[in-house]
Amino acid sequence: MNRPTVLTVASILLAAGVLALAPAGAPTAAFAAAASAETREVAEAESVNKVCPIKEGEVDKESPTREFKGVTIGFCCPGCEGKWDKKTDDEKMALLAKHAPEAVTVIEAAAKSAKAPAGAPAQPDAAALAGNPAVKVARGYLAACGKADAAALNALFLDKGRATVSENAGDEGTWETYRDHHLMPELKEMPGFVMTVAKEDVQTFGTTSIVRQIGSFTVPDPNHPDAPRKFLAAVTYVVVDDGGTPRIAHLHWSSRTEKQPAGDGNAKPDTGHGASSGHQDK
């Protein structure tokens, strides 16, 4: 899996509402015809992906593009668009989730701005959500963070540099780099870390699922022991099938300090997470 170049989508993640489940199933001739019409070439639009979903090369602005679910998908060389056209929507989403998760985020934001069609499938109830394998992985991530359990965290991600992390729309590199340079050092400063999840949803495309959690957490303030700082957070997980085991291929964490009332002497700018300076989020 190539490392994606992450676009500025943090505001989309924080503002987006509950995702609607997309229909799945075997493609029919009518479905294929509709997909072909949907993926017509758009010469002027700029692609939302930086990595070609077919050959995993860097997108070439001179190569043909395709419109897919309201966004423009670019490719590394002529001919890739033809292979793309032969994929079903589920296969296309799985390719984007693996090679260009930032494109999936933009697609989901675009879908939220459109009115949901009548009879659209509802989000699973609490019991069904809790039993969803991808949701279990996402919840396992937060639980392992609370214990600062590196082994448990490693088991949730694709290994050998195949998983990537972005934070507040910034590319943090591979999971291993993020774990060693950011996550674990910060968890040591916040023993018993807990994120309270207010909203949680999942969307599945074939064997790839996207889980999103929105909530809040607090960070001790050494200057004000009785007034810990509260952060609002949104986490998006791209979970793929890795030999029969669901694992995280991409994680995006976005958070900001909760706005303080005017005149609050304890209000502080977003300059750090825990005792770390210059790194705000996990």
Foldseek 3Di string as FASTA:
>chain_A
DDQWQFAQCLVLLQPFDAFFADDDDDDDPVQLVVLLVQFDWDLPADAQTQAALQPRHGFDNPETWTHDLRGIHTHNHHPSVVVVSPDHPLVNLVSCLQRPVNNVSVSRSSVRVDDDDPPGDDFDPPVVLCPDQVSVLVVQCQVCLLQLPPVSNQVQADDDQQAFEAESRHGQGGPVSCSVPPRSVLSVLPHRWHWDFPDWGWYHRVQKMKIKTWTKTWAADPVCRPDTWIKTKMKIFIWGQDPNHTHTRYIYIYMATDDDPPPPPPDDHQQDGRPDGNHRTD
